[in-house]
């Protein structure tokens, strides 16, 4: 990547990148002119900062993921040395972690909708068996879920036999619940759905081997 693109992106702040991606309609909303207008910069700045549309979309994904990553870090930095262990402690910790992420999600519905649109946009461009932006996007989600579950499991002295499958299932539960919430904006139903999902994750756990 040319040095001037790297330097330019440093001035195209994360919030501008996310706001830019929210311009326009549907999968065609990431038009250069819409991006420039939404971000409050000239069209030339967009062309200067990004090599192509894929690079721009990748930056939008990164900026959106960083917000969820910040919520995850907030959970990881909590003092979890209460001494409580077992399924009830695990359920409380997972619930607390997902609540932190939910605050981010519920405060920015348009931004969350954009991440689904980016995934659809990416899948249409390239089949799932090849590297694409949607795969990168969801691998990032998986990493955040993995960090949360690993920390919650260690603190509650609980573990899972098939940890990768639990990570994927937990991410899918949250992802599906958020998409449904974006459709009906029913906070109570979202909360209940997540309670059921968290219980399923906890019920799949067992005491960690000593």
C-alpha atoms as a PDB file:
ATOM      1  CA  UNK A   1       0.000   0.000   0.000  1.00  0.00           C
ATOM      2  CA  UNK A   2       1.499   3.367  -0.982  1.00  0.00           C
ATOM      3  CA  UNK A   3       2.715   5.433   1.930  1.00  0.00           C
ATOM      4  CA  UNK A   4       0.367   8.292   1.129  1.00  0.00           C
ATOM      5  CA  UNK A   5      -2.638   5.955   1.498  1.00  0.00           C
ATOM      6  CA  UNK A   6      -1.445   4.885   4.933  1.00  0.00           C
ATOM      7  CA  UNK A   7      -0.895   8.475   5.973  1.00  0.00           C
ATOM      8  CA  UNK A   8      -4.261   9.526   4.604  1.00  0.00           C
ATOM      9  CA  UNK A   9      -6.131   6.823   6.455  1.00  0.00           C
ATOM     10  CA  UNK A  10      -4.604   8.004   9.710  1.00  0.00           C
ATOM     11  CA  UNK A  11      -6.581  11.218   9.292  1.00  0.00           C
ATOM     12  CA  UNK A  12      -9.784   9.459   8.224  1.00  0.00           C
ATOM     13  CA  UNK A  13     -10.936   8.766  11.776  1.00  0.00           C
ATOM     14  CA  UNK A  14     -12.735   5.571  12.787  1.00  0.00           C
ATOM     15  CA  UNK A  15     -16.038   7.332  13.397  1.00  0.00           C
ATOM     16  CA  UNK A  16     -15.821   8.930   9.949  1.00  0.00           C
ATOM     17  CA  UNK A  17     -15.235   5.533   8.361  1.00  0.00           C
ATOM     18  CA  UNK A  18     -18.262   4.035  10.073  1.00  0.00           C
ATOM     19  CA  UNK A  19     -20.479   7.042   9.372  1.00  0.00           C
ATOM     20  CA  UNK A  20     -19.323   6.999   5.773  1.00  0.00           C
ATOM     21  CA  UNK A  21     -20.433   3.426   5.362  1.00  0.00           C
ATOM     22  CA  UNK A  22     -23.925   4.350   6.525  1.00  0.00           C
ATOM     23  CA  UNK A  23     -24.467   6.640   3.537  1.00  0.00           C
ATOM     24  CA  UNK A  24     -26.756   5.670   0.650  1.00  0.00           C
ATOM     25  CA  UNK A  25     -29.097   2.696   0.371  1.00  0.00           C
ATOM     26  CA  UNK A  26     -28.622  -1.082   0.333  1.00  0.00           C
ATOM     27  CA  UNK A  27     -25.478  -2.685  -1.035  1.00  0.00           C
ATOM     28  CA  UNK A  28     -25.012   0.314  -3.352  1.00  0.00           C
ATOM     29  CA  UNK A  29     -24.748   2.775  -0.472  1.00  0.00           C
ATOM     30  CA  UNK A  30     -20.959   2.563  -0.430  1.00  0.00           C
ATOM     31  CA  UNK A  31     -20.650   4.811  -3.463  1.00  0.00           C
ATOM     32  CA  UNK A  32     -17.648   7.061  -3.299  1.00  0.00           C
ATOM     33  CA  UNK A  33     -19.624  10.280  -3.441  1.00  0.00           C
ATOM     34  CA  UNK A  34     -22.018   9.154  -0.703  1.00  0.00           C
ATOM     35  CA  UNK A  35     -19.066   8.125   1.430  1.00  0.00           C
ATOM     36  CA  UNK A  36     -17.402  11.493   1.025  1.00  0.00           C
ATOM     37  CA  UNK A  37     -20.578  13.409   1.840  1.00  0.00           C
ATOM     38  CA  UNK A  38     -21.408  11.297   4.925  1.00  0.00           C
ATOM     39  CA  UNK A  39     -17.860  11.554   6.269  1.00  0.00           C
ATOM     40  CA  UNK A  40     -17.709  15.289   5.661  1.00  0.00           C
ATOM     41  CA  UNK A  41     -14.696  15.126   3.359  1.00  0.00           C
ATOM     42  CA  UNK A  42     -14.091  15.718  -0.321  1.00  0.00           C
ATOM     43  CA  UNK A  43     -14.346  12.934  -2.894  1.00  0.00           C
ATOM     44  CA  UNK A  44     -10.641  13.379  -3.525  1.00  0.00           C
ATOM     45  CA  UNK A  45      -9.855  12.551   0.110  1.00  0.00           C
ATOM     46  CA  UNK A  46     -11.727   9.238  -0.182  1.00  0.00           C
ATOM     47  CA  UNK A  47      -9.801   8.329  -3.334  1.00  0.00           C
ATOM     48  CA  UNK A  48      -6.581   9.455  -1.673  1.00  0.00           C
ATOM     49  CA  UNK A  49      -7.093   7.376   1.473  1.00  0.00           C
ATOM     50  CA  UNK A  50      -8.334   4.106   0.015  1.00  0.00           C
ATOM     51  CA  UNK A  51      -7.014   2.027  -2.859  1.00  0.00           C
ATOM     52  CA  UNK A  52     -10.440   0.617  -3.752  1.00  0.00           C
ATOM     53  CA  UNK A  53     -13.933  -0.018  -2.403  1.00  0.00           C
ATOM     54  CA  UNK A  54     -12.909  -3.277  -0.727  1.00  0.00           C
ATOM     55  CA  UNK A  55     -10.303  -1.446   1.308  1.00  0.00           C
ATOM     56  CA  UNK A  56     -12.856   1.149   2.358  1.00  0.00           C
ATOM     57  CA  UNK A  57     -15.365  -1.520   3.418  1.00  0.00           C
ATOM     58  CA  UNK A  58     -12.615  -3.345   5.306  1.00  0.00           C
ATOM     59  CA  UNK A  59     -11.896  -0.164   7.258  1.00  0.00           C
ATOM     60  CA  UNK A  60     -15.591   0.277   8.057  1.00  0.00           C
ATOM     61  CA  UNK A  61     -15.675  -3.293   9.419  1.00  0.00           C
ATOM     62  CA  UNK A  62     -12.572  -2.626  11.486  1.00  0.00           C
ATOM     63  CA  UNK A  63     -14.017   0.522  12.997  1.00  0.00           C
ATOM     64  CA  UNK A  64     -17.323  -1.168  13.881  1.00  0.00           C
ATOM     65  CA  UNK A  65     -15.545  -4.190  15.349  1.00  0.00           C
ATOM     66  CA  UNK A  66     -13.373  -1.938  17.487  1.00  0.00           C
ATOM     67  CA  UNK A  67     -16.435  -0.744  19.390  1.00  0.00           C
ATOM     68  CA  UNK A  68     -17.359  -4.320  20.300  1.00  0.00           C
ATOM     69  CA  UNK A  69     -13.721  -5.026  21.091  1.00  0.00           C
ATOM     70  CA  UNK A  70     -13.729  -2.104  23.531  1.00  0.00           C
ATOM     71  CA  UNK A  71     -16.741  -3.612  25.315  1.00  0.00           C
ATOM     72  CA  UNK A  72     -14.949  -6.964  25.434  1.00  0.00           C
ATOM     73  CA  UNK A  73     -11.848  -5.354  26.918  1.00  0.00           C
ATOM     74  CA  UNK A  74     -14.019  -3.680  29.550  1.00  0.00           C
ATOM     75  CA  UNK A  75     -15.236  -7.128  30.611  1.00  0.00           C
ATOM     76  CA  UNK A  76     -11.747  -8.641  30.551  1.00  0.00           C
ATOM     77  CA  UNK A  77     -10.520  -5.815  32.785  1.00  0.00           C
ATOM     78  CA  UNK A  78     -13.168  -6.424  35.441  1.00  0.00           C
ATOM     79  CA  UNK A  79     -12.103  -7.826  38.775  1.00  0.00           C
ATOM     80  CA  UNK A  80     -13.502 -11.360  38.624  1.00  0.00           C
ATOM     81  CA  UNK A  81     -11.818 -12.628  41.771  1.00  0.00           C
ATOM     82  CA  UNK A  82     -15.043 -13.116  43.744  1.00  0.00           C
ATOM     83  CA  UNK A  83     -14.286 -16.781  44.306  1.00  0.00           C
ATOM     84  CA  UNK A  84     -17.685 -17.862  42.973  1.00  0.00           C
ATOM     85  CA  UNK A  85     -17.463 -20.931  40.745  1.00  0.00           C
ATOM     86  CA  UNK A  86     -19.766 -23.353  38.975  1.00  0.00           C
ATOM     87  CA  UNK A  87     -22.600 -22.985  36.418  1.00  0.00           C
ATOM     88  CA  UNK A  88     -24.341 -20.098  38.193  1.00  0.00           C
ATOM     89  CA  UNK A  89     -21.131 -18.066  38.298  1.00  0.00           C
ATOM     90  CA  UNK A  90     -20.450 -18.848  34.623  1.00  0.00           C
ATOM     91  CA  UNK A  91     -23.954 -17.765  33.633  1.00  0.00           C
ATOM     92  CA  UNK A  92     -23.597 -14.475  35.497  1.00  0.00           C
ATOM     93  CA  UNK A  93     -20.236 -13.719  33.877  1.00  0.00           C
ATOM     94  CA  UNK A  94     -21.379 -14.513  30.335  1.00  0.00           C
ATOM     95  CA  UNK A  95     -24.510 -12.451  30.904  1.00  0.00           C
ATOM     96  CA  UNK A  96     -22.441  -9.501  32.114  1.00  0.00           C
ATOM     97  CA  UNK A  97     -20.076  -9.696  29.132  1.00  0.00           C
ATOM     98  CA  UNK A  98     -22.867  -9.850  26.568  1.00  0.00           C
ATOM     99  CA  UNK A  99     -24.673  -7.005  28.335  1.00  0.00           C
ATOM    100  CA  UNK A 100     -21.634  -4.792  27.758  1.00  0.00           C
ATOM    101  CA  UNK A 101     -21.697  -5.657  24.064  1.00  0.00           C
ATOM    102  CA  UNK A 102     -25.452  -5.154  23.934  1.00  0.00           C
ATOM    103  CA  UNK A 103     -25.056  -1.569  25.143  1.00  0.00           C
ATOM    104  CA  UNK A 104     -22.829  -0.888  22.140  1.00  0.00           C
ATOM    105  CA  UNK A 105     -25.175  -2.644  19.728  1.00  0.00           C
ATOM    106  CA  UNK A 106     -28.404  -1.050  20.973  1.00  0.00           C
ATOM    107  CA  UNK A 107     -26.900   2.444  20.898  1.00  0.00           C
ATOM    108  CA  UNK A 108     -26.013   2.187  17.198  1.00  0.00           C
ATOM    109  CA  UNK A 109     -28.696   0.219  15.289  1.00  0.00           C
ATOM    110  CA  UNK A 110     -27.847   1.771  11.907  1.00  0.00           C
ATOM    111  CA  UNK A 111     -24.219   0.840  12.388  1.00  0.00           C
ATOM    112  CA  UNK A 112     -25.147  -2.743  13.264  1.00  0.00           C
ATOM    113  CA  UNK A 113     -27.410  -2.980  10.224  1.00  0.00           C
ATOM    114  CA  UNK A 114     -24.478  -1.844   8.125  1.00  0.00           C
ATOM    115  CA  UNK A 115     -22.394  -4.825   9.278  1.00  0.00           C
ATOM    116  CA  UNK A 116     -25.059  -7.231   7.988  1.00  0.00           C
ATOM    117  CA  UNK A 117     -25.228  -5.371   4.700  1.00  0.00           C
ATOM    118  CA  UNK A 118     -21.459  -5.543   4.357  1.00  0.00           C
ATOM    119  CA  UNK A 119     -21.567  -9.294   4.948  1.00  0.00           C
ATOM    120  CA  UNK A 120     -24.208  -9.719   2.229  1.00  0.00           C
ATOM    121  CA  UNK A 121     -22.272  -7.405  -0.102  1.00  0.00           C
ATOM    122  CA  UNK A 122     -19.106  -9.425   0.446  1.00  0.00           C
ATOM    123  CA  UNK A 123     -20.745 -12.821  -0.073  1.00  0.00           C
ATOM    124  CA  UNK A 124     -22.234 -11.674  -3.367  1.00  0.00           C
ATOM    125  CA  UNK A 125     -18.818 -10.528  -4.553  1.00  0.00           C
ATOM    126  CA  UNK A 126     -16.923 -13.674  -3.569  1.00  0.00           C
ATOM    127  CA  UNK A 127     -18.101 -17.183  -2.626  1.00  0.00           C
ATOM    128  CA  UNK A 128     -17.735 -18.241   1.033  1.00  0.00           C
ATOM    129  CA  UNK A 129     -15.009 -20.793   0.266  1.00  0.00           C
ATOM    130  CA  UNK A 130     -12.677 -17.940  -0.694  1.00  0.00           C
ATOM    131  CA  UNK A 131     -11.336 -15.257   1.610  1.00  0.00           C
ATOM    132  CA  UNK A 132     -13.752 -12.354   1.722  1.00  0.00           C
ATOM    133  CA  UNK A 133     -14.647  -9.460   3.953  1.00  0.00           C
ATOM    134  CA  UNK A 134     -17.525 -11.346   5.582  1.00  0.00           C
ATOM    135  CA  UNK A 135     -15.166 -14.101   6.711  1.00  0.00           C
ATOM    136  CA  UNK A 136     -12.792 -11.521   8.170  1.00  0.00           C
ATOM    137  CA  UNK A 137     -15.725  -9.788   9.861  1.00  0.00           C
ATOM    138  CA  UNK A 138     -17.017 -12.943  11.540  1.00  0.00           C
ATOM    139  CA  UNK A 139     -13.591 -14.237  12.454  1.00  0.00           C
ATOM    140  CA  UNK A 140     -13.220 -10.995  14.364  1.00  0.00           C
ATOM    141  CA  UNK A 141     -16.520 -11.650  16.139  1.00  0.00           C
ATOM    142  CA  UNK A 142     -15.392 -15.190  16.988  1.00  0.00           C
ATOM    143  CA  UNK A 143     -12.181 -13.881  18.534  1.00  0.00           C
ATOM    144  CA  UNK A 144     -14.143 -11.564  20.831  1.00  0.00           C
ATOM    145  CA  UNK A 145     -16.548 -14.312  21.881  1.00  0.00           C
ATOM    146  CA  UNK A 146     -13.629 -16.671  22.481  1.00  0.00           C
ATOM    147  CA  UNK A 147     -11.922 -14.178  24.790  1.00  0.00           C
ATOM    148  CA  UNK A 148     -15.118 -13.663  26.776  1.00  0.00           C
ATOM    149  CA  UNK A 149     -15.909 -17.360  27.190  1.00  0.00           C
ATOM    150  CA  UNK A 150     -12.335 -18.294  28.019  1.00  0.00           C
ATOM    151  CA  UNK A 151     -12.126 -15.639  30.746  1.00  0.00           C
ATOM    152  CA  UNK A 152     -15.569 -16.499  32.117  1.00  0.00           C
ATOM    153  CA  UNK A 153     -14.728 -20.202  32.119  1.00  0.00           C
ATOM    154  CA  UNK A 154     -11.416 -19.697  33.888  1.00  0.00           C
ATOM    155  CA  UNK A 155     -12.978 -17.470  36.552  1.00  0.00           C
ATOM    156  CA  UNK A 156     -15.865 -19.866  37.239  1.00  0.00           C
ATOM    157  CA  UNK A 157     -13.707 -22.994  36.858  1.00  0.00           C
ATOM    158  CA  UNK A 158     -15.892 -24.289  34.048  1.00  0.00           C
ATOM    159  CA  UNK A 159     -14.974 -25.596  30.591  1.00  0.00           C
ATOM    160  CA  UNK A 160     -16.453 -27.085  27.421  1.00  0.00           C
ATOM    161  CA  UNK A 161     -15.595 -30.299  25.598  1.00  0.00           C
ATOM    162  CA  UNK A 162     -15.833 -28.697  22.150  1.00  0.00           C
ATOM    163  CA  UNK A 163     -14.803 -25.108  22.813  1.00  0.00           C
ATOM    164  CA  UNK A 164     -14.573 -23.973  19.138  1.00  0.00           C
ATOM    165  CA  UNK A 165     -18.138 -25.167  18.514  1.00  0.00           C
ATOM    166  CA  UNK A 166     -19.377 -23.335  21.629  1.00  0.00           C
ATOM    167  CA  UNK A 167     -17.663 -20.131  20.471  1.00  0.00           C
ATOM    168  CA  UNK A 168     -19.325 -20.398  17.065  1.00  0.00           C
ATOM    169  CA  UNK A 169     -22.724 -21.222  18.576  1.00  0.00           C
ATOM    170  CA  UNK A 170     -22.541 -18.324  21.050  1.00  0.00           C
ATOM    171  CA  UNK A 171     -21.650 -15.919  18.267  1.00  0.00           C
ATOM    172  CA  UNK A 172     -24.498 -17.248  16.131  1.00  0.00           C
ATOM    173  CA  UNK A 173     -26.994 -16.848  18.982  1.00  0.00           C
ATOM    174  CA  UNK A 174     -25.972 -13.217  19.519  1.00  0.00           C
ATOM    175  CA  UNK A 175     -25.841 -12.517  15.792  1.00  0.00           C
ATOM    176  CA  UNK A 176     -29.319 -13.923  15.180  1.00  0.00           C
ATOM    177  CA  UNK A 177     -30.820 -12.173  18.185  1.00  0.00           C
ATOM    178  CA  UNK A 178     -29.372  -8.835  17.084  1.00  0.00           C
ATOM    179  CA  UNK A 179     -30.685  -9.235  13.540  1.00  0.00           C
ATOM    180  CA  UNK A 180     -34.164 -10.030  14.856  1.00  0.00           C
ATOM    181  CA  UNK A 181     -33.957  -7.011  17.179  1.00  0.00           C
ATOM    182  CA  UNK A 182     -33.052  -4.803  14.227  1.00  0.00           C
ATOM    183  CA  UNK A 183     -36.253  -5.980  12.569  1.00  0.00           C
ATOM    184  CA  UNK A 184     -38.708  -5.505  15.452  1.00  0.00           C
ATOM    185  CA  UNK A 185     -36.743  -3.410  18.055  1.00  0.00           C
ATOM    186  CA  UNK A 186     -38.352  -5.497  20.806  1.00  0.00           C
ATOM    187  CA  UNK A 187     -35.938  -5.128  23.741  1.00  0.00           C
ATOM    188  CA  UNK A 188     -37.819  -7.546  26.000  1.00  0.00           C
ATOM    189  CA  UNK A 189     -37.829 -10.305  23.387  1.00  0.00           C
ATOM    190  CA  UNK A 190     -34.148  -9.764  22.722  1.00  0.00           C
ATOM    191  CA  UNK A 191     -33.368 -10.074  26.427  1.00  0.00           C
ATOM    192  CA  UNK A 192     -35.394 -13.261  26.738  1.00  0.00           C
ATOM    193  CA  UNK A 193     -33.778 -14.750  23.641  1.00  0.00           C
ATOM    194  CA  UNK A 194     -30.330 -14.060  25.027  1.00  0.00           C
ATOM    195  CA  UNK A 195     -31.247 -15.555  28.410  1.00  0.00           C
ATOM    196  CA  UNK A 196     -32.291 -18.784  26.662  1.00  0.00           C
ATOM    197  CA  UNK A 197     -29.130 -18.746  24.548  1.00  0.00           C
ATOM    198  CA  UNK A 198     -26.829 -18.122  27.508  1.00  0.00           C
ATOM    199  CA  UNK A 199     -28.474 -20.930  29.467  1.00  0.00           C
ATOM    200  CA  UNK A 200     -27.842 -23.307  26.568  1.00  0.00           C
ATOM    201  CA  UNK A 201     -24.177 -22.306  26.512  1.00  0.00           C
ATOM    202  CA  UNK A 202     -23.862 -22.752  30.282  1.00  0.00           C
ATOM    203  CA  UNK A 203     -25.679 -26.103  30.242  1.00  0.00           C
ATOM    204  CA  UNK A 204     -23.089 -27.327  27.729  1.00  0.00           C
ATOM    205  CA  UNK A 205     -20.257 -26.587  30.178  1.00  0.00           C
ATOM    206  CA  UNK A 206     -18.708 -28.912  32.741  1.00  0.00           C
ATOM    207  CA  UNK A 207     -16.382 -28.380  35.733  1.00  0.00           C
ATOM    208  CA  UNK A 208     -12.853 -27.716  34.547  1.00  0.00           C
ATOM    209  CA  UNK A 209     -10.299 -30.464  35.032  1.00  0.00           C
ATOM    210  CA  UNK A 210      -7.943 -29.802  37.930  1.00  0.00           C
END
